[in-house]
Amino acid sequence: MKTGEKERIFKALGDRNRVVIMDLIKDGEMSAGRILGEIKMGQSTLSHHMKILCDSGIVNARKESRWVYYSVNKDVVEEITSVINEWAK
């Protein structure tokens, strides 16, 4: 994993709201509407946070009709976990 990729991921996770979102979607795919039902923020604010998470690669987005569904990109999480484990040696 390149330094820029690591930086984007850690930067994306450096915000409390985005950590809360990651906690919500860790167990499976969740629609934007359902995420909004769980946390107190406007739709545009959620879109902003989801764009950052998706751009970092740590979250996947899937559009189905008029809804967007988000899930954790497990491959990227495994990669960043490997990086952290490597640092811990």
PDB file of N, CA and C in Angstrom:
ATOM      1  N   MET A   1       0.853  -1.173   0.000  1.00  0.00           N
ATOM      2  CA  MET A   1       0.000   0.000   0.000  1.00  0.00           C
ATOM      3  C   MET A   1       0.895   1.231   0.000  1.00  0.00           C
ATOM      4  N   LYS A   2       0.599   2.143  -0.903  1.00  0.00           N
ATOM      5  CA  LYS A   2       1.400   3.358  -1.034  1.00  0.00           C
ATOM      6  C   LYS A   2       1.091   4.349   0.089  1.00  0.00           C
ATOM      7  N   THR A   3       2.049   5.223   0.340  1.00  0.00           N
ATOM      8  CA  THR A   3       1.918   6.209   1.420  1.00  0.00           C
ATOM      9  C   THR A   3       0.673   7.069   1.240  1.00  0.00           C
ATOM     10  N   GLY A   4       0.386   7.510   0.031  1.00  0.00           N
ATOM     11  CA  GLY A   4      -0.792   8.342  -0.214  1.00  0.00           C
ATOM     12  C   GLY A   4      -2.092   7.634   0.114  1.00  0.00           C
ATOM     13  N   GLU A   5      -2.143   6.334  -0.174  1.00  0.00           N
ATOM     14  CA  GLU A   5      -3.341   5.549   0.148  1.00  0.00           C
ATOM     15  C   GLU A   5      -3.529   5.452   1.656  1.00  0.00           C
ATOM     16  N   LYS A   6      -2.441   5.190   2.369  1.00  0.00           N
ATOM     17  CA  LYS A   6      -2.502   5.134   3.837  1.00  0.00           C
ATOM     18  C   LYS A   6      -2.982   6.469   4.396  1.00  0.00           C
ATOM     19  N   GLU A   7      -2.411   7.544   3.869  1.00  0.00           N
ATOM     20  CA  GLU A   7      -2.776   8.879   4.339  1.00  0.00           C
ATOM     21  C   GLU A   7      -4.268   9.143   4.152  1.00  0.00           C
ATOM     22  N   ARG A   8      -4.820   8.799   2.983  1.00  0.00           N
ATOM     23  CA  ARG A   8      -6.249   9.025   2.713  1.00  0.00           C
ATOM     24  C   ARG A   8      -7.123   8.236   3.686  1.00  0.00           C
ATOM     25  N   ILE A   9      -6.721   6.996   3.962  1.00  0.00           N
ATOM     26  CA  ILE A   9      -7.522   6.160   4.863  1.00  0.00           C
ATOM     27  C   ILE A   9      -7.499   6.719   6.281  1.00  0.00           C
ATOM     28  N   PHE A  10      -6.307   7.026   6.779  1.00  0.00           N
ATOM     29  CA  PHE A  10      -6.230   7.538   8.148  1.00  0.00           C
ATOM     30  C   PHE A  10      -6.886   8.904   8.276  1.00  0.00           C
ATOM     31  N   LYS A  11      -6.780   9.711   7.236  1.00  0.00           N
ATOM     32  CA  LYS A  11      -7.444  11.017   7.252  1.00  0.00           C
ATOM     33  C   LYS A  11      -8.963  10.827   7.282  1.00  0.00           C
ATOM     34  N   ALA A  12      -9.452   9.877   6.485  1.00  0.00           N
ATOM     35  CA  ALA A  12     -10.891   9.601   6.460  1.00  0.00           C
ATOM     36  C   ALA A  12     -11.387   9.133   7.819  1.00  0.00           C
ATOM     37  N   LEU A  13     -10.573   8.366   8.515  1.00  0.00           N
ATOM     38  CA  LEU A  13     -10.968   7.841   9.819  1.00  0.00           C
ATOM     39  C   LEU A  13     -10.680   8.809  10.960  1.00  0.00           C
ATOM     40  N   GLY A  14     -10.140   9.980  10.636  1.00  0.00           N
ATOM     41  CA  GLY A  14      -9.781  10.962  11.650  1.00  0.00           C
ATOM     42  C   GLY A  14     -10.919  11.878  12.057  1.00  0.00           C
ATOM     43  N   ASP A  15     -12.137  11.515  11.713  1.00  0.00           N
ATOM     44  CA  ASP A  15     -13.302  12.331  12.057  1.00  0.00           C
ATOM     45  C   ASP A  15     -14.290  11.471  12.833  1.00  0.00           C
ATOM     46  N   ARG A  16     -14.791  11.990  13.933  1.00  0.00           N
ATOM     47  CA  ARG A  16     -15.699  11.238  14.809  1.00  0.00           C
ATOM     48  C   ARG A  16     -16.920  10.726  14.055  1.00  0.00           C
ATOM     49  N   ASN A  17     -17.541  11.566  13.230  1.00  0.00           N
ATOM     50  CA  ASN A  17     -18.738  11.148  12.497  1.00  0.00           C
ATOM     51  C   ASN A  17     -18.452   9.971  11.571  1.00  0.00           C
ATOM     52  N   ARG A  18     -17.298   9.998  10.934  1.00  0.00           N
ATOM     53  CA  ARG A  18     -16.962   8.906  10.018  1.00  0.00           C
ATOM     54  C   ARG A  18     -16.656   7.618  10.781  1.00  0.00           C
ATOM     55  N   VAL A  19     -16.095   7.725  11.972  1.00  0.00           N
ATOM     56  CA  VAL A  19     -15.879   6.538  12.804  1.00  0.00           C
ATOM     57  C   VAL A  19     -17.232   5.957  13.220  1.00  0.00           C
ATOM     58  N   VAL A  20     -18.176   6.809  13.574  1.00  0.00           N
ATOM     59  CA  VAL A  20     -19.522   6.343  13.929  1.00  0.00           C
ATOM     60  C   VAL A  20     -20.158   5.636  12.732  1.00  0.00           C
ATOM     61  N   ILE A  21     -20.013   6.205  11.548  1.00  0.00           N
ATOM     62  CA  ILE A  21     -20.557   5.582  10.335  1.00  0.00           C
ATOM     63  C   ILE A  21     -19.922   4.212  10.116  1.00  0.00           C
ATOM     64  N   MET A  22     -18.609   4.118  10.285  1.00  0.00           N
ATOM     65  CA  MET A  22     -17.927   2.829  10.114  1.00  0.00           C
ATOM     66  C   MET A  22     -18.465   1.805  11.112  1.00  0.00           C
ATOM     67  N   ASP A  23     -18.723   2.234  12.343  1.00  0.00           N
ATOM     68  CA  ASP A  23     -19.297   1.332  13.338  1.00  0.00           C
ATOM     69  C   ASP A  23     -20.681   0.847  12.910  1.00  0.00           C
ATOM     70  N   LEU A  24     -21.451   1.717  12.267  1.00  0.00           N
ATOM     71  CA  LEU A  24     -22.795   1.343  11.824  1.00  0.00           C
ATOM     72  C   LEU A  24     -22.756   0.311  10.693  1.00  0.00           C
ATOM     73  N   ILE A  25     -21.813   0.449   9.775  1.00  0.00           N
ATOM     74  CA  ILE A  25     -21.812  -0.421   8.599  1.00  0.00           C
ATOM     75  C   ILE A  25     -20.867  -1.620   8.730  1.00  0.00           C
ATOM     76  N   LYS A  26     -20.240  -1.771   9.868  1.00  0.00           N
ATOM     77  CA  LYS A  26     -19.246  -2.849  10.025  1.00  0.00           C
ATOM     78  C   LYS A  26     -19.843  -4.240   9.894  1.00  0.00           C
ATOM     79  N   ASP A  27     -21.110  -4.404  10.216  1.00  0.00           N
ATOM     80  CA  ASP A  27     -21.728  -5.724  10.185  1.00  0.00           C
ATOM     81  C   ASP A  27     -22.455  -6.034   8.883  1.00  0.00           C
ATOM     82  N   GLY A  28     -22.464  -5.085   7.963  1.00  0.00           N
ATOM     83  CA  GLY A  28     -23.127  -5.341   6.681  1.00  0.00           C
ATOM     84  C   GLY A  28     -23.584  -4.072   6.013  1.00  0.00           C
ATOM     85  N   GLU A  29     -24.055  -4.243   4.812  1.00  0.00           N
ATOM     86  CA  GLU A  29     -24.490  -3.130   3.977  1.00  0.00           C
ATOM     87  C   GLU A  29     -25.651  -2.370   4.625  1.00  0.00           C
ATOM     88  N   MET A  30     -25.623  -1.049   4.455  1.00  0.00           N
ATOM     89  CA  MET A  30     -26.663  -0.204   5.036  1.00  0.00           C
ATOM     90  C   MET A  30     -26.978   0.928   4.069  1.00  0.00           C
ATOM     91  N   SER A  31     -28.253   1.237   3.934  1.00  0.00           N
ATOM     92  CA  SER A  31     -28.647   2.327   3.040  1.00  0.00           C
ATOM     93  C   SER A  31     -28.360   3.677   3.692  1.00  0.00           C
ATOM     94  N   ALA A  32     -28.214   4.680   2.853  1.00  0.00           N
ATOM     95  CA  ALA A  32     -27.996   6.035   3.359  1.00  0.00           C
ATOM     96  C   ALA A  32     -29.157   6.462   4.256  1.00  0.00           C
ATOM     97  N   GLY A  33     -30.370   6.116   3.863  1.00  0.00           N
ATOM     98  CA  GLY A  33     -31.535   6.466   4.671  1.00  0.00           C
ATOM     99  C   GLY A  33     -31.499   5.843   6.049  1.00  0.00           C
ATOM    100  N   ARG A  34     -31.061   4.612   6.119  1.00  0.00           N
ATOM    101  CA  ARG A  34     -30.968   3.936   7.420  1.00  0.00           C
ATOM    102  C   ARG A  34     -29.858   4.541   8.277  1.00  0.00           C
ATOM    103  N   ILE A  35     -28.738   4.891   7.635  1.00  0.00           N
ATOM    104  CA  ILE A  35     -27.656   5.553   8.373  1.00  0.00           C
ATOM    105  C   ILE A  35     -28.166   6.867   8.947  1.00  0.00           C
ATOM    106  N   LEU A  36     -28.890   7.621   8.133  1.00  0.00           N
ATOM    107  CA  LEU A  36     -29.451   8.896   8.611  1.00  0.00           C
ATOM    108  C   LEU A  36     -30.402   8.687   9.783  1.00  0.00           C
ATOM    109  N   GLY A  37     -31.115   7.568   9.786  1.00  0.00           N
ATOM    110  CA  GLY A  37     -32.017   7.261  10.884  1.00  0.00           C
ATOM    111  C   GLY A  37     -31.288   6.945  12.181  1.00  0.00           C
ATOM    112  N   GLU A  38     -30.041   6.559  12.066  1.00  0.00           N
ATOM    113  CA  GLU A  38     -29.245   6.180  13.238  1.00  0.00           C
ATOM    114  C   GLU A  38     -28.434   7.333  13.826  1.00  0.00           C
ATOM    115  N   ILE A  39     -28.085   8.314  12.996  1.00  0.00           N
ATOM    116  CA  ILE A  39     -27.256   9.425  13.479  1.00  0.00           C
ATOM    117  C   ILE A  39     -27.933  10.744  13.142  1.00  0.00           C
ATOM    118  N   LYS A  40     -27.596  11.751  13.912  1.00  0.00           N
ATOM    119  CA  LYS A  40     -28.216  13.057  13.722  1.00  0.00           C
ATOM    120  C   LYS A  40     -27.321  13.933  12.846  1.00  0.00           C
ATOM    121  N   MET A  41     -27.662  13.961  11.555  1.00  0.00           N
ATOM    122  CA  MET A  41     -26.987  14.851  10.617  1.00  0.00           C
ATOM    123  C   MET A  41     -27.864  14.956   9.387  1.00  0.00           C
ATOM    124  N   GLY A  42     -27.660  15.992   8.642  1.00  0.00           N
ATOM    125  CA  GLY A  42     -28.422  16.192   7.422  1.00  0.00           C
ATOM    126  C   GLY A  42     -27.916  15.308   6.298  1.00  0.00           C
ATOM    127  N   GLN A  43     -28.745  15.187   5.265  1.00  0.00           N
ATOM    128  CA  GLN A  43     -28.397  14.343   4.128  1.00  0.00           C
ATOM    129  C   GLN A  43     -27.141  14.837   3.426  1.00  0.00           C
ATOM    130  N   SER A  44     -26.997  16.144   3.280  1.00  0.00           N
ATOM    131  CA  SER A  44     -25.812  16.675   2.589  1.00  0.00           C
ATOM    132  C   SER A  44     -24.538  16.431   3.410  1.00  0.00           C
ATOM    133  N   THR A  45     -24.648  16.502   4.727  1.00  0.00           N
ATOM    134  CA  THR A  45     -23.491  16.226   5.587  1.00  0.00           C
ATOM    135  C   THR A  45     -23.105  14.759   5.485  1.00  0.00           C
ATOM    136  N   LEU A  46     -24.105  13.879   5.485  1.00  0.00           N
ATOM    137  CA  LEU A  46     -23.822  12.453   5.324  1.00  0.00           C
ATOM    138  C   LEU A  46     -23.157  12.202   3.976  1.00  0.00           C
ATOM    139  N   SER A  47     -23.662  12.807   2.931  1.00  0.00           N
ATOM    140  CA  SER A  47     -23.069  12.640   1.599  1.00  0.00           C
ATOM    141  C   SER A  47     -21.604  13.061   1.589  1.00  0.00           C
ATOM    142  N   HIS A  48     -21.295  14.162   2.259  1.00  0.00           N
ATOM    143  CA  HIS A  48     -19.919  14.646   2.353  1.00  0.00           C
ATOM    144  C   HIS A  48     -19.032  13.587   3.023  1.00  0.00           C
ATOM    145  N   HIS A  49     -19.481  13.064   4.155  1.00  0.00           N
ATOM    146  CA  HIS A  49     -18.699  12.069   4.879  1.00  0.00           C
ATOM    147  C   HIS A  49     -18.559  10.777   4.071  1.00  0.00           C
ATOM    148  N   MET A  50     -19.626  10.356   3.408  1.00  0.00           N
ATOM    149  CA  MET A  50     -19.567   9.127   2.627  1.00  0.00           C
ATOM    150  C   MET A  50     -18.643   9.279   1.427  1.00  0.00           C
ATOM    151  N   LYS A  51     -18.605  10.447   0.832  1.00  0.00           N
ATOM    152  CA  LYS A  51     -17.685  10.690  -0.288  1.00  0.00           C
ATOM    153  C   LYS A  51     -16.243  10.527   0.171  1.00  0.00           C
ATOM    154  N   ILE A  52     -15.920  11.084   1.327  1.00  0.00           N
ATOM    155  CA  ILE A  52     -14.557  10.962   1.860  1.00  0.00           C
ATOM    156  C   ILE A  52     -14.221   9.499   2.140  1.00  0.00           C
ATOM    157  N   LEU A  53     -15.144   8.765   2.767  1.00  0.00           N
ATOM    158  CA  LEU A  53     -14.898   7.357   3.062  1.00  0.00           C
ATOM    159  C   LEU A  53     -14.762   6.530   1.780  1.00  0.00           C
ATOM    160  N   CYS A  54     -15.612   6.805   0.805  1.00  0.00           N
ATOM    161  CA  CYS A  54     -15.539   6.068  -0.468  1.00  0.00           C
ATOM    162  C   CYS A  54     -14.276   6.427  -1.241  1.00  0.00           C
ATOM    163  N   ASP A  55     -13.929   7.705  -1.274  1.00  0.00           N
ATOM    164  CA  ASP A  55     -12.718   8.129  -1.980  1.00  0.00           C
ATOM    165  C   ASP A  55     -11.458   7.525  -1.365  1.00  0.00           C
ATOM    166  N   SER A  56     -11.481   7.278  -0.068  1.00  0.00           N
ATOM    167  CA  SER A  56     -10.323   6.665   0.593  1.00  0.00           C
ATOM    168  C   SER A  56     -10.221   5.181   0.254  1.00  0.00           C
ATOM    169  N   GLY A  57     -11.322   4.597  -0.201  1.00  0.00           N
ATOM    170  CA  GLY A  57     -11.344   3.185  -0.555  1.00  0.00           C
ATOM    171  C   GLY A  57     -11.801   2.266   0.555  1.00  0.00           C
ATOM    172  N   ILE A  58     -12.032   2.810   1.735  1.00  0.00           N
ATOM    173  CA  ILE A  58     -12.383   1.963   2.874  1.00  0.00           C
ATOM    174  C   ILE A  58     -13.877   1.602   2.908  1.00  0.00           C
ATOM    175  N   VAL A  59     -14.677   2.306   2.097  1.00  0.00           N
ATOM    176  CA  VAL A  59     -16.114   2.034   2.012  1.00  0.00           C
ATOM    177  C   VAL A  59     -16.498   1.852   0.544  1.00  0.00           C
ATOM    178  N   ASN A  60     -17.372   0.888   0.303  1.00  0.00           N
ATOM    179  CA  ASN A  60     -17.942   0.658  -1.026  1.00  0.00           C
ATOM    180  C   ASN A  60     -19.332   1.271  -1.074  1.00  0.00           C
ATOM    181  N   ALA A  61     -19.711   1.779  -2.240  1.00  0.00           N
ATOM    182  CA  ALA A  61     -21.057   2.311  -2.453  1.00  0.00           C
ATOM    183  C   ALA A  61     -21.689   1.554  -3.618  1.00  0.00           C
ATOM    184  N   ARG A  62     -22.959   1.230  -3.448  1.00  0.00           N
ATOM    185  CA  ARG A  62     -23.709   0.536  -4.497  1.00  0.00           C
ATOM    186  C   ARG A  62     -25.063   1.221  -4.636  1.00  0.00           C
ATOM    187  N   LYS A  63     -25.369   1.646  -5.855  1.00  0.00           N
ATOM    188  CA  LYS A  63     -26.641   2.330  -6.085  1.00  0.00           C
ATOM    189  C   LYS A  63     -27.650   1.325  -6.616  1.00  0.00           C
ATOM    190  N   GLU A  64     -28.809   1.353  -5.990  1.00  0.00           N
ATOM    191  CA  GLU A  64     -29.909   0.501  -6.426  1.00  0.00           C
ATOM    192  C   GLU A  64     -31.160   1.363  -6.490  1.00  0.00           C
ATOM    193  N   SER A  65     -31.654   1.557  -7.668  1.00  0.00           N
ATOM    194  CA  SER A  65     -32.765   2.466  -7.943  1.00  0.00           C
ATOM    195  C   SER A  65     -32.419   3.845  -7.392  1.00  0.00           C
ATOM    196  N   ARG A  66     -33.157   4.355  -6.439  1.00  0.00           N
ATOM    197  CA  ARG A  66     -32.836   5.699  -5.938  1.00  0.00           C
ATOM    198  C   ARG A  66     -32.073   5.699  -4.616  1.00  0.00           C
ATOM    199  N   TRP A  67     -31.717   4.519  -4.133  1.00  0.00           N
ATOM    200  CA  TRP A  67     -31.001   4.397  -2.867  1.00  0.00           C
ATOM    201  C   TRP A  67     -29.542   4.043  -3.093  1.00  0.00           C
ATOM    202  N   VAL A  68     -28.695   4.511  -2.179  1.00  0.00           N
ATOM    203  CA  VAL A  68     -27.290   4.131  -2.184  1.00  0.00           C
ATOM    204  C   VAL A  68     -27.042   3.290  -0.941  1.00  0.00           C
ATOM    205  N   TYR A  69     -26.371   2.170  -1.135  1.00  0.00           N
ATOM    206  CA  TYR A  69     -26.047   1.261  -0.047  1.00  0.00           C
ATOM    207  C   TYR A  69     -24.538   1.265   0.164  1.00  0.00           C
ATOM    208  N   TYR A  70     -24.137   1.324   1.422  1.00  0.00           N
ATOM    209  CA  TYR A  70     -22.722   1.408   1.777  1.00  0.00           C
ATOM    210  C   TYR A  70     -22.300   0.180   2.568  1.00  0.00           C
ATOM    211  N   SER A  71     -21.052  -0.231   2.341  1.00  0.00           N
ATOM    212  CA  SER A  71     -20.489  -1.348   3.092  1.00  0.00           C
ATOM    213  C   SER A  71     -18.989  -1.124   3.254  1.00  0.00           C
ATOM    214  N   VAL A  72     -18.437  -1.779   4.270  1.00  0.00           N
ATOM    215  CA  VAL A  72     -17.000  -1.704   4.525  1.00  0.00           C
ATOM    216  C   VAL A  72     -16.284  -2.502   3.436  1.00  0.00           C
ATOM    217  N   ASN A  73     -15.229  -1.932   2.898  1.00  0.00           N
ATOM    218  CA  ASN A  73     -14.395  -2.632   1.929  1.00  0.00           C
ATOM    219  C   ASN A  73     -13.408  -3.481   2.730  1.00  0.00           C
ATOM    220  N   LYS A  74     -13.760  -4.738   2.934  1.00  0.00           N
ATOM    221  CA  LYS A  74     -12.983  -5.632   3.809  1.00  0.00           C
ATOM    222  C   LYS A  74     -11.544  -5.816   3.315  1.00  0.00           C
ATOM    223  N   ASP A  75     -11.338  -5.790   1.994  1.00  0.00           N
ATOM    224  CA  ASP A  75      -9.982  -5.942   1.458  1.00  0.00           C
ATOM    225  C   ASP A  75      -9.082  -4.795   1.909  1.00  0.00           C
ATOM    226  N   VAL A  76      -9.612  -3.575   1.865  1.00  0.00           N
ATOM    227  CA  VAL A  76      -8.825  -2.414   2.279  1.00  0.00           C
ATOM    228  C   VAL A  76      -8.594  -2.442   3.790  1.00  0.00           C
ATOM    229  N   VAL A  77      -9.595  -2.850   4.554  1.00  0.00           N
ATOM    230  CA  VAL A  77      -9.432  -2.949   6.003  1.00  0.00           C
ATOM    231  C   VAL A  77      -8.336  -3.971   6.329  1.00  0.00           C
ATOM    232  N   GLU A  78      -8.325  -5.088   5.625  1.00  0.00           N
ATOM    233  CA  GLU A  78      -7.277  -6.092   5.851  1.00  0.00           C
ATOM    234  C   GLU A  78      -5.905  -5.537   5.498  1.00  0.00           C
ATOM    235  N   GLU A  79      -5.828  -4.773   4.404  1.00  0.00           N
ATOM    236  CA  GLU A  79      -4.549  -4.172   4.006  1.00  0.00           C
ATOM    237  C   GLU A  79      -4.036  -3.196   5.051  1.00  0.00           C
ATOM    238  N   ILE A  80      -4.907  -2.320   5.533  1.00  0.00           N
ATOM    239  CA  ILE A  80      -4.478  -1.308   6.502  1.00  0.00           C
ATOM    240  C   ILE A  80      -4.160  -1.977   7.842  1.00  0.00           C
ATOM    241  N   THR A  81      -4.849  -3.065   8.159  1.00  0.00           N
ATOM    242  CA  THR A  81      -4.536  -3.831   9.364  1.00  0.00           C
ATOM    243  C   THR A  81      -3.142  -4.435   9.254  1.00  0.00           C
ATOM    244  N   SER A  82      -2.804  -4.927   8.080  1.00  0.00           N
ATOM    245  CA  SER A  82      -1.453  -5.465   7.856  1.00  0.00           C
ATOM    246  C   SER A  82      -0.397  -4.397   8.039  1.00  0.00           C
ATOM    247  N   VAL A  83      -0.691  -3.186   7.554  1.00  0.00           N
ATOM    248  CA  VAL A  83       0.244  -2.064   7.712  1.00  0.00           C
ATOM    249  C   VAL A  83       0.454  -1.764   9.190  1.00  0.00           C
ATOM    250  N   ILE A  84      -0.634  -1.703   9.944  1.00  0.00           N
ATOM    251  CA  ILE A  84      -0.537  -1.412  11.379  1.00  0.00           C
ATOM    252  C   ILE A  84       0.228  -2.525  12.099  1.00  0.00           C
ATOM    253  N   ASN A  85      -0.059  -3.768  11.756  1.00  0.00           N
ATOM    254  CA  ASN A  85       0.665  -4.889  12.370  1.00  0.00           C
ATOM    255  C   ASN A  85       2.143  -4.843  12.045  1.00  0.00           C
ATOM    256  N   GLU A  86       2.466  -4.432  10.835  1.00  0.00           N
ATOM    257  CA  GLU A  86       3.868  -4.305  10.443  1.00  0.00           C
ATOM    258  C   GLU A  86       4.565  -3.228  11.280  1.00  0.00           C
ATOM    259  N   TRP A  87       3.890  -2.128  11.540  1.00  0.00           N
ATOM    260  CA  TRP A  87       4.451  -1.066  12.360  1.00  0.00           C
ATOM    261  C   TRP A  87       4.687  -1.527  13.797  1.00  0.00           C
ATOM    262  N   ALA A  88       3.861  -2.475  14.246  1.00  0.00           N
ATOM    263  CA  ALA A  88       3.933  -2.922  15.634  1.00  0.00           C
ATOM    264  C   ALA A  88       5.074  -3.912  15.882  1.00  0.00           C
ATOM    265  N   LYS A  89       5.737  -4.368  14.845  1.00  0.00           N
ATOM    266  CA  LYS A  89       6.829  -5.353  15.006  1.00  0.00           C
ATOM    267  C   LYS A  89       8.049  -4.721  15.625  1.00  0.00           C
TER     268      LYS A  89
END
